[in-house]
Structure formats: structure tokens, C-alpha cells
Amino acid sequence: TKEMPVKTTLNGIVADGYAPGNCVVTPN
């Protein structure tokens, strides 16, 4: 058994004039 953190990846580009910020996953 091994415990590992969950990493996040965002695909694509948000709408023009906006930006993705803090991303949180639960459980992490």
C-alpha cells in the first residue's frame, strides 16, 4: 500500500480576459 498526492492538470484555455487560479482537490 502506498499513499500519493493528487496532482491537477487543466486542459484547454479559459475565456479571454480570465485566468485559472488556485485549484484544490479533495481528497488530496
PDB file of all heavy atoms in Angstrom:
ATOM      1  N   THR A   1       0.850  -1.189   0.000  1.00  0.00           N
ATOM      2  CA  THR A   1       0.000   0.000   0.000  1.00  0.00           C
ATOM      3  C   THR A   1       0.884   1.238   0.000  1.00  0.00           C
ATOM      4  O   THR A   1       1.883   1.294   0.727  1.00  0.00           O
ATOM      5  CB  THR A   1      -0.927   0.024   1.224  1.00  0.00           C
ATOM      6  OG1 THR A   1      -1.774  -1.138   1.185  1.00  0.00           O
ATOM      7  CG2 THR A   1      -1.795   1.274   1.227  1.00  0.00           C
ATOM      8  N   LYS A   2       0.528   2.211  -0.821  1.00  0.00           N
ATOM      9  CA  LYS A   2       1.285   3.449  -0.905  1.00  0.00           C
ATOM     10  C   LYS A   2       0.315   4.629  -0.958  1.00  0.00           C
ATOM     11  O   LYS A   2      -0.724   4.553  -1.600  1.00  0.00           O
ATOM     12  CB  LYS A   2       2.179   3.448  -2.149  1.00  0.00           C
ATOM     13  CG  LYS A   2       3.008   4.712  -2.259  1.00  0.00           C
ATOM     14  CD  LYS A   2       4.054   4.777  -3.380  1.00  0.00           C
ATOM     15  CE  LYS A   2       4.019   3.820  -4.467  1.00  0.00           C
ATOM     16  NZ  LYS A   2       5.085   4.039  -5.480  1.00  0.00           N
ATOM     17  N   GLU A   3       0.686   5.712  -0.258  1.00  0.00           N
ATOM     18  CA  GLU A   3      -0.110   6.943  -0.318  1.00  0.00           C
ATOM     19  C   GLU A   3       0.589   7.952  -1.217  1.00  0.00           C
ATOM     20  O   GLU A   3       1.801   8.164  -1.109  1.00  0.00           O
ATOM     21  CB  GLU A   3      -0.295   7.534   1.082  1.00  0.00           C
ATOM     22  CG  GLU A   3      -1.199   6.709   1.970  1.00  0.00           C
ATOM     23  CD  GLU A   3      -1.446   7.374   3.305  1.00  0.00           C
ATOM     24  OE1 GLU A   3      -0.674   8.307   3.645  1.00  0.00           O
ATOM     25  OE2 GLU A   3      -2.399   6.994   3.999  1.00  0.00           O
ATOM     26  N   MET A   4      -0.182   8.592  -2.094  1.00  0.00           N
ATOM     27  CA  MET A   4       0.388   9.560  -3.029  1.00  0.00           C
ATOM     28  C   MET A   4      -0.511  10.778  -3.135  1.00  0.00           C
ATOM     29  O   MET A   4      -1.745  10.663  -3.061  1.00  0.00           O
ATOM     30  CB  MET A   4       0.575   8.934  -4.414  1.00  0.00           C
ATOM     31  CG  MET A   4       1.525   7.765  -4.454  1.00  0.00           C
ATOM     32  SD  MET A   4       1.850   7.198  -6.146  1.00  0.00           S
ATOM     33  CE  MET A   4       2.805   8.582  -6.760  1.00  0.00           C
ATOM     34  N   PRO A   5       0.096  11.974  -3.316  1.00  0.00           N
ATOM     35  CA  PRO A   5      -0.712  13.181  -3.504  1.00  0.00           C
ATOM     36  C   PRO A   5      -1.369  13.188  -4.880  1.00  0.00           C
ATOM     37  O   PRO A   5      -0.852  12.589  -5.825  1.00  0.00           O
ATOM     38  CB  PRO A   5       0.308  14.314  -3.377  1.00  0.00           C
ATOM     39  CG  PRO A   5       1.600  13.692  -3.792  1.00  0.00           C
ATOM     40  CD  PRO A   5       1.535  12.268  -3.324  1.00  0.00           C
ATOM     41  N   VAL A   6      -2.480  13.880  -4.981  1.00  0.00           N
ATOM     42  CA  VAL A   6      -3.189  14.008  -6.258  1.00  0.00           C
ATOM     43  C   VAL A   6      -2.766  15.321  -6.911  1.00  0.00           C
ATOM     44  O   VAL A   6      -2.931  16.396  -6.333  1.00  0.00           O
ATOM     45  CB  VAL A   6      -4.715  13.986  -6.054  1.00  0.00           C
ATOM     46  CG1 VAL A   6      -5.421  14.104  -7.407  1.00  0.00           C
ATOM     47  CG2 VAL A   6      -5.132  12.718  -5.341  1.00  0.00           C
ATOM     48  N   LYS A   7      -2.206  15.224  -8.104  1.00  0.00           N
ATOM     49  CA  LYS A   7      -1.826  16.415  -8.852  1.00  0.00           C
ATOM     50  C   LYS A   7      -2.930  16.773  -9.835  1.00  0.00           C
ATOM     51  O   LYS A   7      -3.650  15.907 -10.332  1.00  0.00           O
ATOM     52  CB  LYS A   7      -0.512  16.183  -9.606  1.00  0.00           C
ATOM     53  CG  LYS A   7       0.664  15.929  -8.688  1.00  0.00           C
ATOM     54  CD  LYS A   7       1.958  15.785  -9.470  1.00  0.00           C
ATOM     55  CE  LYS A   7       3.146  15.557  -8.546  1.00  0.00           C
ATOM     56  NZ  LYS A   7       4.413  15.409  -9.304  1.00  0.00           N
ATOM     57  N   THR A   8      -3.058  18.059 -10.109  1.00  0.00           N
ATOM     58  CA  THR A   8      -4.122  18.516 -11.008  1.00  0.00           C
ATOM     59  C   THR A   8      -3.537  19.028 -12.320  1.00  0.00           C
ATOM     60  O   THR A   8      -2.449  19.613 -12.350  1.00  0.00           O
ATOM     61  CB  THR A   8      -4.948  19.638 -10.360  1.00  0.00           C
ATOM     62  OG1 THR A   8      -4.081  20.739 -10.038  1.00  0.00           O
ATOM     63  CG2 THR A   8      -5.618  19.144  -9.092  1.00  0.00           C
ATOM     64  N   THR A   9      -4.259  18.787 -13.387  1.00  0.00           N
ATOM     65  CA  THR A   9      -3.889  19.283 -14.715  1.00  0.00           C
ATOM     66  C   THR A   9      -5.128  19.887 -15.363  1.00  0.00           C
ATOM     67  O   THR A   9      -6.208  19.293 -15.324  1.00  0.00           O
ATOM     68  CB  THR A   9      -3.353  18.149 -15.604  1.00  0.00           C
ATOM     69  OG1 THR A   9      -2.186  17.600 -14.999  1.00  0.00           O
ATOM     70  CG2 THR A   9      -2.988  18.676 -16.985  1.00  0.00           C
ATOM     71  N   LEU A  10      -4.950  21.070 -15.942  1.00  0.00           N
ATOM     72  CA  LEU A  10      -6.041  21.740 -16.645  1.00  0.00           C
ATOM     73  C   LEU A  10      -5.769  21.705 -18.142  1.00  0.00           C
ATOM     74  O   LEU A  10      -4.699  22.125 -18.595  1.00  0.00           O
ATOM     75  CB  LEU A  10      -6.170  23.197 -16.169  1.00  0.00           C
ATOM     76  CG  LEU A  10      -6.374  23.401 -14.658  1.00  0.00           C
ATOM     77  CD1 LEU A  10      -6.440  24.884 -14.342  1.00  0.00           C
ATOM     78  CD2 LEU A  10      -7.634  22.688 -14.181  1.00  0.00           C
ATOM     79  N   ASN A  11      -6.721  21.194 -18.895  1.00  0.00           N
ATOM     80  CA  ASN A  11      -6.615  21.170 -20.349  1.00  0.00           C
ATOM     81  C   ASN A  11      -7.429  22.315 -20.941  1.00  0.00           C
ATOM     82  O   ASN A  11      -8.486  22.662 -20.429  1.00  0.00           O
ATOM     83  CB  ASN A  11      -7.108  19.840 -20.917  1.00  0.00           C
ATOM     84  CG  ASN A  11      -6.150  18.700 -20.621  1.00  0.00           C
ATOM     85  OD1 ASN A  11      -4.969  18.928 -20.360  1.00  0.00           O
ATOM     86  ND2 ASN A  11      -6.643  17.477 -20.667  1.00  0.00           N
ATOM     87  N   GLY A  12      -6.929  22.867 -22.045  1.00  0.00           N
ATOM     88  CA  GLY A  12      -7.655  23.945 -22.698  1.00  0.00           C
ATOM     89  C   GLY A  12      -7.326  25.305 -22.099  1.00  0.00           C
ATOM     90  O   GLY A  12      -6.539  25.430 -21.164  1.00  0.00           O
ATOM     91  N   ILE A  13      -7.955  26.343 -22.646  1.00  0.00           N
ATOM     92  CA  ILE A  13      -7.717  27.724 -22.237  1.00  0.00           C
ATOM     93  C   ILE A  13      -9.042  28.348 -21.816  1.00  0.00           C
ATOM     94  O   ILE A  13     -10.054  28.215 -22.512  1.00  0.00           O
ATOM     95  CB  ILE A  13      -7.104  28.540 -23.386  1.00  0.00           C
ATOM     96  CG1 ILE A  13      -5.772  27.904 -23.824  1.00  0.00           C
ATOM     97  CG2 ILE A  13      -6.879  29.991 -22.977  1.00  0.00           C
ATOM     98  CD1 ILE A  13      -5.164  28.547 -25.039  1.00  0.00           C
ATOM     99  N   VAL A  14      -9.028  29.009 -20.657  1.00  0.00           N
ATOM    100  CA  VAL A  14     -10.245  29.665 -20.182  1.00  0.00           C
ATOM    101  C   VAL A  14     -10.579  30.841 -21.104  1.00  0.00           C
ATOM    102  O   VAL A  14      -9.806  31.205 -21.988  1.00  0.00           O
ATOM    103  CB  VAL A  14     -10.081  30.152 -18.723  1.00  0.00           C
ATOM    104  CG1 VAL A  14      -9.838  28.977 -17.805  1.00  0.00           C
ATOM    105  CG2 VAL A  14      -8.931  31.157 -18.620  1.00  0.00           C
ATOM    106  N   ALA A  15     -11.722  31.457 -20.880  1.00  0.00           N
ATOM    107  CA  ALA A  15     -12.182  32.559 -21.725  1.00  0.00           C
ATOM    108  C   ALA A  15     -11.170  33.705 -21.728  1.00  0.00           C
ATOM    109  O   ALA A  15     -10.439  33.917 -20.754  1.00  0.00           O
ATOM    110  CB  ALA A  15     -13.542  33.049 -21.231  1.00  0.00           C
ATOM    111  N   ASP A  16     -11.117  34.438 -22.846  1.00  0.00           N
ATOM    112  CA  ASP A  16     -10.192  35.565 -22.979  1.00  0.00           C
ATOM    113  C   ASP A  16     -10.460  36.602 -21.890  1.00  0.00           C
ATOM    114  O   ASP A  16     -11.610  36.954 -21.618  1.00  0.00           O
ATOM    115  CB  ASP A  16     -10.359  36.189 -24.365  1.00  0.00           C
ATOM    116  CG  ASP A  16      -9.285  37.213 -24.655  1.00  0.00           C
ATOM    117  OD1 ASP A  16      -8.155  37.034 -24.182  1.00  0.00           O
ATOM    118  OD2 ASP A  16      -9.582  38.208 -25.360  1.00  0.00           O
ATOM    119  N   GLY A  17      -9.374  37.095 -21.267  1.00  0.00           N
ATOM    120  CA  GLY A  17      -9.521  38.073 -20.203  1.00  0.00           C
ATOM    121  C   GLY A  17      -9.694  37.460 -18.833  1.00  0.00           C
ATOM    122  O   GLY A  17      -9.899  38.175 -17.858  1.00  0.00           O
ATOM    123  N   TYR A  18      -9.558  36.126 -18.747  1.00  0.00           N
ATOM    124  CA  TYR A  18      -9.676  35.417 -17.465  1.00  0.00           C
ATOM    125  C   TYR A  18      -8.484  34.475 -17.303  1.00  0.00           C
ATOM    126  O   TYR A  18      -7.794  34.138 -18.271  1.00  0.00           O
ATOM    127  CB  TYR A  18     -10.980  34.614 -17.397  1.00  0.00           C
ATOM    128  CG  TYR A  18     -12.211  35.491 -17.304  1.00  0.00           C
ATOM    129  CD1 TYR A  18     -12.777  36.044 -18.448  1.00  0.00           C
ATOM    130  CD2 TYR A  18     -12.803  35.765 -16.073  1.00  0.00           C
ATOM    131  CE1 TYR A  18     -13.898  36.853 -18.376  1.00  0.00           C
ATOM    132  CE2 TYR A  18     -13.927  36.570 -15.985  1.00  0.00           C
ATOM    133  CZ  TYR A  18     -14.467  37.109 -17.146  1.00  0.00           C
ATOM    134  OH  TYR A  18     -15.576  37.912 -17.055  1.00  0.00           O
ATOM    135  N   ALA A  19      -8.263  34.059 -16.074  1.00  0.00           N
ATOM    136  CA  ALA A  19      -7.150  33.144 -15.788  1.00  0.00           C
ATOM    137  C   ALA A  19      -7.541  32.193 -14.670  1.00  0.00           C
ATOM    138  O   ALA A  19      -8.238  32.584 -13.728  1.00  0.00           O
ATOM    139  CB  ALA A  19      -5.899  33.924 -15.390  1.00  0.00           C
ATOM    140  N   PRO A  20      -7.091  30.918 -14.770  1.00  0.00           N
ATOM    141  CA  PRO A  20      -7.355  29.974 -13.680  1.00  0.00           C
ATOM    142  C   PRO A  20      -6.471  30.291 -12.481  1.00  0.00           C
ATOM    143  O   PRO A  20      -5.312  30.672 -12.631  1.00  0.00           O
ATOM    144  CB  PRO A  20      -6.983  28.618 -14.299  1.00  0.00           C
ATOM    145  CG  PRO A  20      -5.990  28.950 -15.366  1.00  0.00           C
ATOM    146  CD  PRO A  20      -6.377  30.304 -15.893  1.00  0.00           C
ATOM    147  N   GLY A  21      -7.039  30.138 -11.308  1.00  0.00           N
ATOM    148  CA  GLY A  21      -6.288  30.435 -10.094  1.00  0.00           C
ATOM    149  C   GLY A  21      -6.010  29.196  -9.276  1.00  0.00           C
ATOM    150  O   GLY A  21      -5.566  28.174  -9.793  1.00  0.00           O
ATOM    151  N   ASN A  22      -6.298  29.284  -8.000  1.00  0.00           N
ATOM    152  CA  ASN A  22      -5.999  28.192  -7.082  1.00  0.00           C
ATOM    153  C   ASN A  22      -6.906  26.995  -7.345  1.00  0.00           C
ATOM    154  O   ASN A  22      -8.123  27.131  -7.424  1.00  0.00           O
ATOM    155  CB  ASN A  22      -6.177  28.689  -5.642  1.00  0.00           C
ATOM    156  CG  ASN A  22      -5.668  27.688  -4.636  1.00  0.00           C
ATOM    157  OD1 ASN A  22      -4.703  26.976  -4.904  1.00  0.00           O
ATOM    158  ND2 ASN A  22      -6.302  27.625  -3.488  1.00  0.00           N
ATOM    159  N   CYS A  23      -6.286  25.833  -7.509  1.00  0.00           N
ATOM    160  CA  CYS A  23      -7.035  24.601  -7.762  1.00  0.00           C
ATOM    161  C   CYS A  23      -6.844  23.653  -6.582  1.00  0.00           C
ATOM    162  O   CYS A  23      -5.713  23.347  -6.199  1.00  0.00           O
ATOM    163  CB  CYS A  23      -6.553  23.938  -9.051  1.00  0.00           C
ATOM    164  SG  CYS A  23      -7.530  22.502  -9.535  1.00  0.00           S
ATOM    165  N   VAL A  24      -7.956  23.183  -6.008  1.00  0.00           N
ATOM    166  CA  VAL A  24      -7.902  22.318  -4.824  1.00  0.00           C
ATOM    167  C   VAL A  24      -8.660  21.030  -5.120  1.00  0.00           C
ATOM    168  O   VAL A  24      -9.769  21.064  -5.671  1.00  0.00           O
ATOM    169  CB  VAL A  24      -8.514  23.023  -3.596  1.00  0.00           C
ATOM    170  CG1 VAL A  24      -8.514  22.087  -2.397  1.00  0.00           C
ATOM    171  CG2 VAL A  24      -7.747  24.303  -3.283  1.00  0.00           C
ATOM    172  N   VAL A  25      -8.048  19.886  -4.758  1.00  0.00           N
ATOM    173  CA  VAL A  25      -8.740  18.606  -4.910  1.00  0.00           C
ATOM    174  C   VAL A  25      -8.969  17.995  -3.535  1.00  0.00           C
ATOM    175  O   VAL A  25      -8.142  18.130  -2.628  1.00  0.00           O
ATOM    176  CB  VAL A  25      -7.936  17.621  -5.787  1.00  0.00           C
ATOM    177  CG1 VAL A  25      -7.947  18.041  -7.215  1.00  0.00           C
ATOM    178  CG2 VAL A  25      -6.515  17.463  -5.267  1.00  0.00           C
ATOM    179  N   THR A  26     -10.124  17.337  -3.403  1.00  0.00           N
ATOM    180  CA  THR A  26     -10.481  16.673  -2.146  1.00  0.00           C
ATOM    181  C   THR A  26     -10.994  15.272  -2.459  1.00  0.00           C
ATOM    182  O   THR A  26     -11.933  15.126  -3.247  1.00  0.00           O
ATOM    183  CB  THR A  26     -11.576  17.463  -1.403  1.00  0.00           C
ATOM    184  OG1 THR A  26     -11.141  18.821  -1.236  1.00  0.00           O
ATOM    185  CG2 THR A  26     -11.837  16.854  -0.049  1.00  0.00           C
ATOM    186  N   PRO A  27     -10.367  14.222  -1.886  1.00  0.00           N
ATOM    187  CA  PRO A  27      -9.160  14.256  -1.050  1.00  0.00           C
ATOM    188  C   PRO A  27      -7.922  14.561  -1.889  1.00  0.00           C
ATOM    189  O   PRO A  27      -7.906  14.306  -3.094  1.00  0.00           O
ATOM    190  CB  PRO A  27      -9.098  12.840  -0.478  1.00  0.00           C
ATOM    191  CG  PRO A  27      -9.763  12.002  -1.525  1.00  0.00           C
ATOM    192  CD  PRO A  27     -10.869  12.832  -2.095  1.00  0.00           C
ATOM    193  N   ASN A  28      -6.902  15.083  -1.246  1.00  0.00           N
ATOM    194  CA  ASN A  28      -5.676  15.417  -1.978  1.00  0.00           C
ATOM    195  C   ASN A  28      -4.600  14.342  -1.832  1.00  0.00           C
ATOM    196  O   ASN A  28      -3.526  14.471  -2.404  1.00  0.00           O
ATOM    197  CB  ASN A  28      -5.124  16.768  -1.521  1.00  0.00           C
ATOM    198  CG  ASN A  28      -4.774  16.771  -0.039  1.00  0.00           C
ATOM    199  OD1 ASN A  28      -5.084  15.834   0.680  1.00  0.00           O
ATOM    200  ND2 ASN A  28      -4.128  17.827   0.404  1.00  0.00           N
TER     201      ASN A  28
END
